[in-house]
Amino acid sequence: MKIALLGKGKTGGKVLEQLIAENIPHTVFDSKNPPTLESLKGHDVVISFYSGEVFLSYLQVLMDSKIPVVTGSTGMKWPENFDILLKEKKLPWIYASNFSLGMNLVHQMILIMKEAGSILNDYKFSMHEVHHTKKLDSPSGTALSWQKWSGHDFPITSERLGDTIGIHEIKLSTPTEDITLKHEVHDRKIFAEGAMFAAKKISTLAPGLHQFQDVVQSEILKGKKHL
């Protein structure tokens, strides 16, 4: 497997470290070496951590390359009917706002919290997230995902502090108790590990636009079958 790595910033740099450590063939593309149809030839998977705006500017080139794509680019909206377009081109792509594998365990926990109304009458959700000062989107894509998973509309407060990688905390409160679920990232390496997991799985997927969480959840469910 040969990887085309788009972007070597804070997270892309961690992917690069892992590629080197595992001796995986790769090419790094950045502003000095932009991806083209010719330069992408011979690669098996694209991993992108470009900013959303930059990633969208290369969307056509990536589709024309006919190479599966794993992207963690955020702060963007997919073109309308993009999933259908990928299916027509017989291309599998995976995207995520957060490539933490542990975040998918959090997903399962929030799905349980979602059912609070089956046993509680007076309750409410709230959430707080913290990221580094250079993160532009607020609230974060991950925070919005948590809100969606919970099935409730609740306030999200955001804080941008120093070089904080990512802290997300959701609270379910009643007049008599609080239940808090917190996920804190200590090293961006977790995002690189998740992106590499996706790159190794993508060849087994049907064409279309896949959410990373769905890919991981299928693996978790496989494990449940053995319990």
Protein backbone atom coordinates (compact mmCIF):
# COMPACT_ATOMS: atom_id res chain seq x y z
CA MET A 1 0.00 0.00 0.00
CA LYS A 2 1.34 3.42 -1.00
CA ILE A 3 -0.16 6.48 0.68
CA ALA A 4 -0.61 9.98 -0.74
CA LEU A 5 -0.58 12.27 2.31
CA LEU A 6 -2.17 15.66 1.75
CA GLY A 7 -0.96 18.09 4.39
CA LYS A 8 1.70 17.66 7.06
CA GLY A 9 0.45 20.05 9.72
CA LYS A 10 -0.29 19.14 13.32
CA THR A 11 -2.29 16.02 12.49
CA GLY A 12 -0.86 15.24 9.06
CA GLY A 13 2.58 15.36 10.67
CA LYS A 14 1.53 12.60 13.07
CA VAL A 15 0.36 10.49 10.12
CA LEU A 16 3.74 11.07 8.48
CA GLU A 17 5.51 9.89 11.65
CA GLN A 18 3.45 6.70 11.62
CA LEU A 19 4.07 6.08 7.92
CA ILE A 20 7.80 6.36 8.53
CA ALA A 21 7.69 4.20 11.67
CA GLU A 22 5.78 1.43 9.85
CA ASN A 23 7.94 1.79 6.74
CA ILE A 24 4.88 2.40 4.55
CA PRO A 25 5.62 3.86 1.09
CA HIS A 26 4.22 7.38 0.79
CA THR A 27 4.39 10.78 -0.86
CA VAL A 28 3.75 14.05 0.98
CA PHE A 29 1.77 16.73 -0.87
CA ASP A 30 1.61 20.32 0.32
CA SER A 31 1.67 23.87 -1.06
CA LYS A 32 5.13 23.27 -2.52
CA ASN A 33 4.15 19.91 -4.01
CA PRO A 34 0.43 20.07 -4.86
CA PRO A 35 -1.36 16.89 -5.92
CA THR A 36 -1.98 16.44 -9.64
CA LEU A 37 -3.38 13.58 -11.69
CA GLU A 38 0.13 12.68 -12.77
CA SER A 39 1.74 12.88 -9.33
CA LEU A 40 -1.05 10.83 -7.71
CA LYS A 41 -0.52 7.89 -10.05
CA GLY A 42 0.78 4.77 -8.31
CA HIS A 43 -0.80 5.56 -4.94
CA ASP A 44 -3.39 3.26 -3.39
CA VAL A 45 -5.04 5.57 -0.84
CA VAL A 46 -5.16 9.32 -0.24
CA ILE A 47 -5.16 10.59 3.36
CA SER A 48 -6.03 14.28 3.63
CA PHE A 49 -5.70 16.67 6.52
CA TYR A 50 -5.85 19.77 4.36
CA SER A 51 -8.14 22.51 5.62
CA GLY A 52 -11.68 22.18 4.30
CA GLU A 53 -11.32 25.03 1.82
CA VAL A 54 -8.08 23.69 0.36
CA PHE A 55 -9.42 20.13 0.24
CA LEU A 56 -12.48 21.26 -1.74
CA SER A 57 -10.22 22.97 -4.28
CA TYR A 58 -8.68 19.55 -5.08
CA LEU A 59 -11.96 17.62 -5.05
CA GLN A 60 -12.15 17.16 -8.81
CA VAL A 61 -8.50 16.10 -9.09
CA LEU A 62 -8.99 13.51 -6.35
CA MET A 63 -12.11 12.10 -7.99
CA ASP A 64 -10.43 11.97 -11.39
CA SER A 65 -7.48 10.10 -9.87
CA LYS A 66 -9.89 7.23 -9.01
CA ILE A 67 -8.00 6.63 -5.76
CA PRO A 68 -9.95 5.95 -2.50
CA VAL A 69 -9.79 8.92 -0.10
CA VAL A 70 -9.67 9.13 3.69
CA THR A 71 -10.20 12.71 4.82
CA GLY A 72 -10.22 14.52 8.14
CA SER A 73 -10.64 17.93 6.50
CA THR A 74 -13.14 20.01 8.49
CA GLY A 75 -14.95 23.32 8.19
CA MET A 76 -16.55 22.41 4.84
CA LYS A 77 -19.76 21.13 3.29
CA TRP A 78 -19.88 18.28 0.83
CA PRO A 79 -21.31 19.09 -2.61
CA GLU A 80 -24.92 18.06 -3.09
CA ASN A 81 -25.39 14.39 -4.04
CA PHE A 82 -21.66 13.72 -3.61
CA ASP A 83 -22.37 10.23 -2.26
CA ILE A 84 -24.27 9.39 -5.46
CA LEU A 85 -21.42 10.75 -7.56
CA LEU A 86 -18.89 8.54 -5.77
CA LYS A 87 -21.10 5.51 -6.28
CA GLU A 88 -21.34 6.28 -9.99
CA LYS A 89 -17.55 6.46 -10.14
CA LYS A 90 -17.29 3.29 -8.01
CA LEU A 91 -15.10 5.03 -5.44
CA PRO A 92 -15.17 4.50 -1.64
CA TRP A 93 -14.31 7.55 0.48
CA ILE A 94 -14.20 7.84 4.28
CA TYR A 95 -14.58 11.11 6.17
CA ALA A 96 -14.53 12.10 9.83
CA SER A 97 -14.49 15.21 11.99
CA ASN A 98 -12.55 13.15 14.52
CA PHE A 99 -10.46 10.04 13.78
CA SER A 100 -10.13 8.91 17.40
CA LEU A 101 -10.98 5.22 17.64
CA GLY A 102 -11.90 5.76 21.30
CA MET A 103 -14.45 8.35 20.22
CA ASN A 104 -16.46 5.50 18.77
CA LEU A 105 -16.75 3.94 22.22
CA VAL A 106 -18.03 7.32 23.38
CA HIS A 107 -20.61 7.12 20.59
CA GLN A 108 -22.01 3.91 22.06
CA MET A 109 -22.18 5.51 25.51
CA ILE A 110 -24.04 8.56 24.20
CA LEU A 111 -26.54 6.30 22.45
CA ILE A 112 -27.32 4.87 25.89
CA MET A 113 -27.65 8.39 27.39
CA LYS A 114 -30.02 9.19 24.53
CA GLU A 115 -32.56 6.86 26.13
CA ALA A 116 -32.68 8.84 29.40
CA GLY A 117 -36.31 9.71 28.79
CA SER A 118 -37.31 6.07 29.23
CA ILE A 119 -36.52 6.25 32.97
CA LEU A 120 -36.14 9.97 33.80
CA ASN A 121 -38.77 12.70 33.72
CA ASP A 122 -36.91 15.90 34.56
CA TYR A 123 -33.52 16.04 32.83
CA LYS A 124 -31.49 18.17 30.44
CA PHE A 125 -28.26 17.95 28.44
CA SER A 126 -25.44 20.47 28.15
CA MET A 127 -21.98 20.35 26.60
CA HIS A 128 -18.64 22.14 26.72
CA GLU A 129 -15.71 21.72 24.34
CA VAL A 130 -12.16 23.10 24.38
CA HIS A 131 -9.65 23.30 21.51
CA HIS A 132 -6.48 25.16 20.58
CA THR A 133 -6.67 28.84 19.63
CA LYS A 134 -6.06 28.16 15.91
CA LYS A 135 -9.18 26.02 15.51
CA LEU A 136 -11.60 28.07 13.42
CA ASP A 137 -14.91 26.18 13.61
CA SER A 138 -16.95 26.66 16.78
CA PRO A 139 -18.57 24.57 18.03
CA SER A 140 -16.34 21.81 16.74
CA GLY A 141 -17.53 19.15 14.33
CA THR A 142 -17.10 16.59 17.09
CA ALA A 143 -19.30 18.58 19.47
CA LEU A 144 -22.03 18.78 16.83
CA SER A 145 -21.73 15.03 16.28
CA TRP A 146 -22.19 14.39 20.01
CA GLN A 147 -25.30 16.56 19.98
CA LYS A 148 -26.67 14.64 17.00
CA TRP A 149 -25.93 11.28 18.64
CA SER A 150 -27.79 12.35 21.79
CA GLY A 151 -30.96 13.07 19.85
CA HIS A 152 -31.46 16.29 21.84
CA ASP A 153 -31.04 19.97 21.06
CA PHE A 154 -28.99 21.56 23.84
CA PRO A 155 -26.52 24.45 24.33
CA ILE A 156 -22.86 23.89 23.43
CA THR A 157 -20.27 26.21 24.92
CA SER A 158 -16.86 26.50 23.29
CA GLU A 159 -13.46 27.59 24.54
CA ARG A 160 -10.22 28.12 22.62
CA LEU A 161 -7.22 27.74 24.91
CA GLY A 162 -3.49 27.52 24.12
CA ASP A 163 -2.54 24.32 22.28
CA THR A 164 -5.33 22.16 23.72
CA ILE A 165 -5.84 19.25 21.31
CA GLY A 166 -9.42 18.50 22.22
CA ILE A 167 -11.68 18.15 25.26
CA HIS A 168 -15.37 17.29 24.94
CA GLU A 169 -17.68 16.94 27.92
CA ILE A 170 -21.40 16.21 27.85
CA LYS A 171 -23.55 16.40 30.98
CA LEU A 172 -26.98 14.94 31.70
CA SER A 173 -28.47 16.76 34.68
CA THR A 174 -31.50 16.15 36.87
CA PRO A 175 -32.52 17.95 40.08
CA THR A 176 -30.87 15.16 42.07
CA GLU A 177 -27.86 13.99 40.05
CA ASP A 178 -25.40 14.74 37.24
CA ILE A 179 -23.95 12.23 34.78
CA THR A 180 -20.86 13.44 32.93
CA LEU A 181 -19.04 11.85 30.00
CA LYS A 182 -15.67 13.34 29.08
CA HIS A 183 -13.20 12.62 26.30
CA GLU A 184 -9.79 14.31 26.39
CA VAL A 185 -7.05 13.93 23.78
CA HIS A 186 -3.47 13.86 25.05
CA ASP A 187 -1.65 13.23 21.77
CA ARG A 188 -2.68 13.86 18.14
CA LYS A 189 -1.25 10.44 17.40
CA ILE A 190 -4.73 9.02 18.04
CA PHE A 191 -5.99 10.78 14.90
CA ALA A 192 -3.14 9.32 12.86
CA GLU A 193 -3.92 5.84 14.19
CA GLY A 194 -7.57 6.25 13.21
CA ALA A 195 -6.73 7.55 9.73
CA MET A 196 -4.41 4.59 9.14
CA PHE A 197 -7.11 2.21 10.38
CA ALA A 198 -9.46 3.75 7.79
CA ALA A 199 -6.85 3.54 5.04
CA LYS A 200 -6.40 -0.17 5.68
CA LYS A 201 -10.18 -0.81 5.72
CA ILE A 202 -11.26 1.31 2.77
CA SER A 203 -10.60 -1.35 0.11
CA THR A 204 -13.25 -3.57 1.77
CA LEU A 205 -16.01 -0.93 1.50
CA ALA A 206 -18.67 -0.45 -1.15
CA PRO A 207 -18.46 2.72 -3.28
CA GLY A 208 -19.85 5.86 -1.69
CA LEU A 209 -19.18 8.37 1.08
CA HIS A 210 -18.73 6.61 4.43
CA GLN A 211 -18.60 8.12 7.90
CA PHE A 212 -15.59 6.85 9.85
CA GLN A 213 -17.79 6.15 12.86
CA ASP A 214 -19.90 3.74 10.78
CA VAL A 215 -16.80 1.85 9.65
CA VAL A 216 -15.57 1.49 13.24
CA GLN A 217 -19.02 0.65 14.59
CA SER A 218 -19.21 -2.31 12.22
CA GLU A 219 -15.97 -3.59 13.73
CA ILE A 220 -17.32 -3.10 17.26
CA LEU A 221 -20.47 -4.99 16.36
CA LYS A 222 -18.38 -7.83 14.97
CA GLY A 223 -16.77 -8.08 18.39
CA LYS A 224 -20.20 -8.25 20.08
CA LYS A 225 -21.07 -11.33 18.02
CA HIS A 226 -18.26 -13.19 19.77
CA LEU A 227 -19.46 -12.33 23.29
